[in-house]
N, C-alpha and C. Protein backbone atom coordinates (compact mmCIF):
# COMPACT_ATOMS: atom_id res chain seq x y z
N MET A 1 95.89 141.73 94.27
CA MET A 1 95.28 142.31 93.09
C MET A 1 96.33 143.09 92.32
N PRO A 2 96.24 143.12 90.98
CA PRO A 2 97.18 143.91 90.19
C PRO A 2 96.91 145.41 90.38
N ASP A 3 97.93 146.22 90.07
CA ASP A 3 97.76 147.67 90.15
C ASP A 3 96.73 148.13 89.14
N SER A 4 96.01 149.19 89.47
CA SER A 4 95.05 149.77 88.55
C SER A 4 95.79 150.43 87.38
N PRO A 5 95.21 150.41 86.17
CA PRO A 5 95.87 151.05 85.03
C PRO A 5 95.95 152.57 85.23
N LEU A 6 97.01 153.17 84.72
CA LEU A 6 97.16 154.62 84.81
C LEU A 6 96.15 155.32 83.92
N LYS A 7 95.70 156.48 84.38
CA LYS A 7 94.75 157.31 83.64
C LYS A 7 93.47 156.60 83.25
N ALA A 8 92.99 155.72 84.10
CA ALA A 8 91.70 155.06 83.87
C ALA A 8 90.60 155.98 84.41
N HIS A 9 89.84 156.59 83.50
CA HIS A 9 88.77 157.50 83.89
C HIS A 9 87.54 156.69 84.29
N GLY A 10 86.77 157.23 85.23
CA GLY A 10 85.52 156.57 85.60
C GLY A 10 84.55 156.58 84.45
N ILE A 11 84.34 157.75 83.82
CA ILE A 11 83.45 157.90 82.67
C ILE A 11 84.20 158.72 81.63
N LEU A 12 84.18 158.27 80.38
CA LEU A 12 84.81 158.99 79.28
C LEU A 12 83.75 159.31 78.24
N GLY A 13 83.53 160.60 77.99
CA GLY A 13 82.64 161.04 76.93
C GLY A 13 83.48 161.61 75.81
N HIS A 14 83.31 161.12 74.58
CA HIS A 14 84.15 161.54 73.47
C HIS A 14 83.30 161.91 72.26
N ARG A 15 83.29 163.20 71.92
CA ARG A 15 82.60 163.73 70.75
C ARG A 15 81.14 163.32 70.67
N THR A 16 80.42 163.51 71.74
CA THR A 16 78.98 163.24 71.75
C THR A 16 78.23 164.56 71.66
N SER A 17 77.00 164.52 71.15
CA SER A 17 76.22 165.75 71.05
C SER A 17 75.53 166.08 72.36
N ASP A 18 75.12 165.09 73.13
CA ASP A 18 74.44 165.31 74.40
C ASP A 18 74.86 164.26 75.41
N LEU A 19 75.17 164.70 76.63
CA LEU A 19 75.42 163.79 77.74
C LEU A 19 74.51 164.21 78.87
N VAL A 20 73.70 163.30 79.38
CA VAL A 20 72.81 163.59 80.50
C VAL A 20 73.07 162.52 81.56
N PHE A 21 73.49 162.96 82.76
CA PHE A 21 73.77 162.03 83.85
C PHE A 21 72.94 162.42 85.05
N SER A 22 72.43 161.44 85.74
CA SER A 22 71.67 161.68 86.95
C SER A 22 72.05 160.62 87.98
N VAL A 23 72.35 161.05 89.18
CA VAL A 23 72.69 160.20 90.32
C VAL A 23 73.85 159.25 89.95
N VAL A 24 75.03 159.85 89.83
CA VAL A 24 76.24 159.09 89.48
C VAL A 24 77.30 159.35 90.54
N SER A 25 77.99 158.31 90.96
CA SER A 25 79.14 158.45 91.84
C SER A 25 80.34 157.87 91.12
N SER A 26 81.41 158.66 91.02
CA SER A 26 82.63 158.20 90.37
C SER A 26 83.79 158.52 91.29
N ARG A 27 84.44 157.49 91.83
CA ARG A 27 85.49 157.72 92.80
C ARG A 27 86.59 156.67 92.69
N PHE A 28 87.75 157.01 93.22
CA PHE A 28 88.92 156.13 93.28
C PHE A 28 89.42 155.70 91.90
N ASN A 29 89.28 156.56 90.88
CA ASN A 29 89.82 156.26 89.56
C ASN A 29 91.25 156.78 89.46
N THR A 30 92.08 156.12 88.64
CA THR A 30 93.47 156.58 88.47
C THR A 30 93.56 157.75 87.50
N GLY A 31 92.51 158.02 86.76
CA GLY A 31 92.42 159.20 85.91
C GLY A 31 91.42 160.17 86.51
N ASP A 32 90.57 160.75 85.66
CA ASP A 32 89.52 161.66 86.11
C ASP A 32 88.27 160.88 86.47
N GLY A 33 87.46 161.43 87.37
CA GLY A 33 86.17 160.83 87.64
C GLY A 33 85.33 160.81 86.38
N ILE A 34 85.25 161.96 85.69
CA ILE A 34 84.60 162.07 84.39
C ILE A 34 85.51 162.90 83.49
N HIS A 35 85.78 162.41 82.30
CA HIS A 35 86.64 163.09 81.34
C HIS A 35 85.84 163.27 80.04
N ARG A 36 85.66 164.52 79.61
CA ARG A 36 84.88 164.82 78.40
C ARG A 36 85.81 165.38 77.33
N ILE A 37 85.65 164.91 76.10
CA ILE A 37 86.41 165.44 74.97
C ILE A 37 85.42 165.85 73.88
N ASP A 38 85.38 167.15 73.58
CA ASP A 38 84.55 167.68 72.49
C ASP A 38 83.09 167.25 72.56
N CYS A 39 82.48 167.33 73.72
CA CYS A 39 81.05 167.05 73.88
C CYS A 39 80.29 168.36 73.82
N GLN A 40 79.17 168.39 73.10
CA GLN A 40 78.44 169.63 72.86
C GLN A 40 77.63 170.13 74.05
N GLN A 41 76.81 169.29 74.65
CA GLN A 41 75.93 169.71 75.73
C GLN A 41 75.97 168.66 76.84
N THR A 42 76.07 169.12 78.06
CA THR A 42 76.02 168.18 79.17
C THR A 42 75.11 168.70 80.26
N SER A 43 74.44 167.78 80.91
CA SER A 43 73.60 168.10 82.07
C SER A 43 73.92 167.06 83.14
N TRP A 44 74.30 167.53 84.33
CA TRP A 44 74.73 166.65 85.42
C TRP A 44 73.86 166.95 86.64
N THR A 45 73.22 165.93 87.19
CA THR A 45 72.40 166.10 88.38
C THR A 45 72.78 165.04 89.41
N ALA A 46 72.94 165.45 90.65
CA ALA A 46 73.29 164.56 91.76
C ALA A 46 74.53 163.73 91.41
N LEU A 47 75.59 164.44 91.11
CA LEU A 47 76.85 163.82 90.69
C LEU A 47 77.85 163.94 91.82
N HIS A 48 78.42 162.82 92.27
CA HIS A 48 79.39 162.79 93.37
C HIS A 48 80.73 162.32 92.83
N LEU A 49 81.72 163.19 92.84
CA LEU A 49 83.05 162.88 92.32
C LEU A 49 84.05 163.01 93.45
N PHE A 50 84.56 161.88 93.94
CA PHE A 50 85.39 161.84 95.15
C PHE A 50 86.71 161.14 94.86
N GLU A 51 87.78 161.67 95.38
CA GLU A 51 89.07 160.99 95.54
C GLU A 51 89.59 160.31 94.28
N ASN A 52 89.49 161.00 93.15
CA ASN A 52 90.09 160.52 91.91
C ASN A 52 91.52 161.06 91.81
N ASP A 53 92.41 160.32 91.15
CA ASP A 53 93.80 160.78 91.01
C ASP A 53 93.90 161.99 90.08
N GLY A 54 93.02 162.09 89.09
CA GLY A 54 92.99 163.24 88.20
C GLY A 54 92.01 164.28 88.70
N PHE A 55 91.30 164.93 87.79
CA PHE A 55 90.25 165.89 88.15
C PHE A 55 88.98 165.13 88.49
N GLY A 56 88.10 165.77 89.24
CA GLY A 56 86.78 165.20 89.43
C GLY A 56 86.06 165.14 88.10
N LEU A 57 85.97 166.28 87.41
CA LEU A 57 85.36 166.35 86.09
C LEU A 57 86.23 167.25 85.23
N GLN A 58 86.77 166.72 84.15
CA GLN A 58 87.63 167.52 83.27
C GLN A 58 87.06 167.54 81.86
N GLU A 59 87.16 168.72 81.26
CA GLU A 59 86.65 168.95 79.91
C GLU A 59 87.82 169.30 79.01
N CYS A 60 87.92 168.66 77.85
CA CYS A 60 88.99 168.94 76.89
C CYS A 60 88.36 169.28 75.54
N LEU A 61 88.95 170.26 74.86
CA LEU A 61 88.48 170.64 73.53
C LEU A 61 89.60 170.41 72.53
N ASP A 62 89.40 169.47 71.60
CA ASP A 62 90.35 169.26 70.51
C ASP A 62 90.10 170.22 69.36
N LYS A 63 88.85 170.66 69.23
CA LYS A 63 88.47 171.57 68.15
C LYS A 63 88.29 172.98 68.72
N PRO A 64 89.08 173.95 68.26
CA PRO A 64 88.98 175.30 68.83
C PRO A 64 87.65 175.99 68.57
N ASP A 65 86.90 175.58 67.54
CA ASP A 65 85.61 176.21 67.24
C ASP A 65 84.44 175.53 67.95
N ASN A 66 84.74 174.57 68.81
CA ASN A 66 83.70 173.87 69.57
C ASN A 66 83.13 174.82 70.64
N HIS A 67 81.81 174.88 70.77
CA HIS A 67 81.17 175.78 71.73
C HIS A 67 80.20 175.01 72.63
N PRO A 68 80.70 174.13 73.50
CA PRO A 68 79.82 173.34 74.35
C PRO A 68 79.29 174.15 75.54
N PHE A 69 78.29 173.61 76.22
CA PHE A 69 77.84 174.22 77.46
C PHE A 69 77.44 173.14 78.45
N ASN A 70 77.45 173.52 79.74
CA ASN A 70 77.17 172.60 80.84
C ASN A 70 76.11 173.15 81.76
N ILE A 71 75.30 172.25 82.31
CA ILE A 71 74.40 172.57 83.41
C ILE A 71 74.72 171.58 84.52
N LEU A 72 75.13 172.08 85.68
CA LEU A 72 75.55 171.23 86.80
C LEU A 72 74.70 171.55 88.02
N THR A 73 73.97 170.58 88.54
CA THR A 73 73.18 170.79 89.75
C THR A 73 73.41 169.65 90.73
N ASN A 74 73.36 169.98 91.99
CA ASN A 74 73.58 169.00 93.07
C ASN A 74 74.85 168.20 92.85
N LEU A 75 75.92 168.93 92.63
CA LEU A 75 77.23 168.37 92.35
C LEU A 75 78.08 168.41 93.61
N ILE A 76 78.71 167.30 93.97
CA ILE A 76 79.61 167.27 95.12
C ILE A 76 80.98 166.83 94.63
N LEU A 77 81.97 167.67 94.84
CA LEU A 77 83.35 167.40 94.43
C LEU A 77 84.22 167.39 95.67
N LYS A 78 84.97 166.32 95.88
CA LYS A 78 85.74 166.21 97.12
C LYS A 78 87.04 165.46 96.88
N ALA A 79 88.16 166.06 97.29
CA ALA A 79 89.46 165.40 97.39
C ALA A 79 89.94 164.78 96.09
N ASN A 80 89.71 165.45 94.96
CA ASN A 80 90.28 164.99 93.70
C ASN A 80 91.67 165.59 93.58
N ARG A 81 92.69 164.76 93.32
CA ARG A 81 94.08 165.17 93.46
C ARG A 81 94.52 166.28 92.49
N ALA A 82 94.06 166.25 91.24
CA ALA A 82 94.48 167.27 90.27
C ALA A 82 93.64 168.54 90.39
N GLY A 83 92.53 168.47 91.08
CA GLY A 83 91.58 169.58 91.21
C GLY A 83 90.19 169.03 91.01
N ASN A 84 89.20 169.81 91.33
CA ASN A 84 87.85 169.28 91.25
C ASN A 84 87.23 169.34 89.86
N TYR A 85 87.38 170.48 89.17
CA TYR A 85 86.72 170.63 87.88
C TYR A 85 87.54 171.56 87.02
N LYS A 86 87.73 171.20 85.76
CA LYS A 86 88.43 172.08 84.80
C LYS A 86 87.48 172.33 83.64
N ILE A 87 87.08 173.60 83.46
CA ILE A 87 86.05 173.98 82.49
C ILE A 87 86.67 174.72 81.31
N PHE A 88 86.29 174.31 80.10
CA PHE A 88 86.66 175.05 78.90
C PHE A 88 85.44 175.59 78.16
N SER A 89 84.25 175.15 78.53
CA SER A 89 83.03 175.58 77.85
C SER A 89 82.82 177.08 77.98
N PRO A 90 82.32 177.73 76.91
CA PRO A 90 82.06 179.16 76.99
C PRO A 90 80.85 179.51 77.86
N SER A 91 80.01 178.51 78.20
CA SER A 91 78.85 178.78 79.03
C SER A 91 78.62 177.61 79.99
N THR A 92 78.60 177.90 81.29
CA THR A 92 78.38 176.87 82.30
C THR A 92 77.49 177.44 83.41
N HIS A 93 76.49 176.66 83.81
CA HIS A 93 75.63 177.03 84.94
C HIS A 93 75.83 176.00 86.04
N ILE A 94 76.19 176.46 87.24
CA ILE A 94 76.40 175.57 88.38
C ILE A 94 75.45 175.98 89.50
N GLY A 95 74.67 175.03 90.00
CA GLY A 95 73.76 175.32 91.09
C GLY A 95 73.77 174.23 92.15
N HIS A 96 73.65 174.59 93.40
CA HIS A 96 73.58 173.64 94.53
C HIS A 96 74.74 172.67 94.51
N SER A 97 75.94 173.19 94.48
CA SER A 97 77.13 172.35 94.40
C SER A 97 78.03 172.58 95.59
N VAL A 98 78.78 171.55 95.95
CA VAL A 98 79.70 171.61 97.08
C VAL A 98 81.10 171.27 96.60
N LEU A 99 82.03 172.19 96.85
CA LEU A 99 83.45 171.92 96.60
C LEU A 99 84.07 171.74 97.97
N ASP A 100 84.26 170.50 98.36
CA ASP A 100 84.71 170.19 99.72
C ASP A 100 86.20 170.42 99.90
N SER A 101 86.98 170.17 98.87
CA SER A 101 88.43 170.38 98.93
C SER A 101 88.93 170.56 97.51
N GLY A 102 90.14 170.99 97.36
CA GLY A 102 90.68 171.23 96.03
C GLY A 102 90.23 172.58 95.53
N GLU A 103 89.95 172.69 94.23
CA GLU A 103 89.62 173.99 93.66
C GLU A 103 88.74 173.84 92.44
N LEU A 104 88.09 174.94 92.08
CA LEU A 104 87.34 175.05 90.85
C LEU A 104 88.20 175.82 89.88
N ARG A 105 88.65 175.19 88.79
CA ARG A 105 89.52 175.84 87.81
C ARG A 105 88.69 176.19 86.59
N LEU A 106 88.80 177.41 86.14
CA LEU A 106 88.05 177.87 84.99
C LEU A 106 89.00 178.36 83.92
N ALA A 107 88.71 178.01 82.66
CA ALA A 107 89.50 178.52 81.55
C ALA A 107 89.09 179.96 81.29
N ASP A 108 89.86 180.67 80.53
CA ASP A 108 89.60 182.07 80.23
C ASP A 108 88.62 182.18 79.07
N HIS A 109 87.36 181.80 79.32
CA HIS A 109 86.33 181.81 78.30
C HIS A 109 85.13 182.59 78.82
N GLY A 110 84.00 182.44 78.15
CA GLY A 110 82.80 183.20 78.41
C GLY A 110 82.20 183.06 79.78
N PRO A 111 80.89 183.35 79.91
CA PRO A 111 80.27 183.45 81.22
C PRO A 111 80.17 182.16 81.97
N ILE A 112 80.31 182.24 83.28
CA ILE A 112 80.01 181.12 84.17
C ILE A 112 79.09 181.66 85.25
N VAL A 113 78.05 180.91 85.57
CA VAL A 113 77.10 181.31 86.59
C VAL A 113 77.16 180.31 87.71
N CYS A 114 77.38 180.76 88.93
CA CYS A 114 77.41 179.86 90.10
C CYS A 114 76.33 180.29 91.07
């Protein structure tokens, strides 16, 4: 088989107003398990992000005035090489989540509730 392409994300969200995911597994990607760019609102339930070369779930903001928020429940993050989650949203709620290895990285922004 040919080599996998570099930085191939499992799921890419780009400038969407709402992302709602339920019961998703994203693993063994050469990029991030889930990569979001300038998405306004996200809700993740029963999300399993394992063994990706990038982050499990990474959020990027191209627009400095963007004010997205996240709700994460029943999230399992394990063995993602760059780290498990990188948050830039000013408001994030995380509940019933497992960080099995790696780390939870937070940007220097507003409140986060775990």
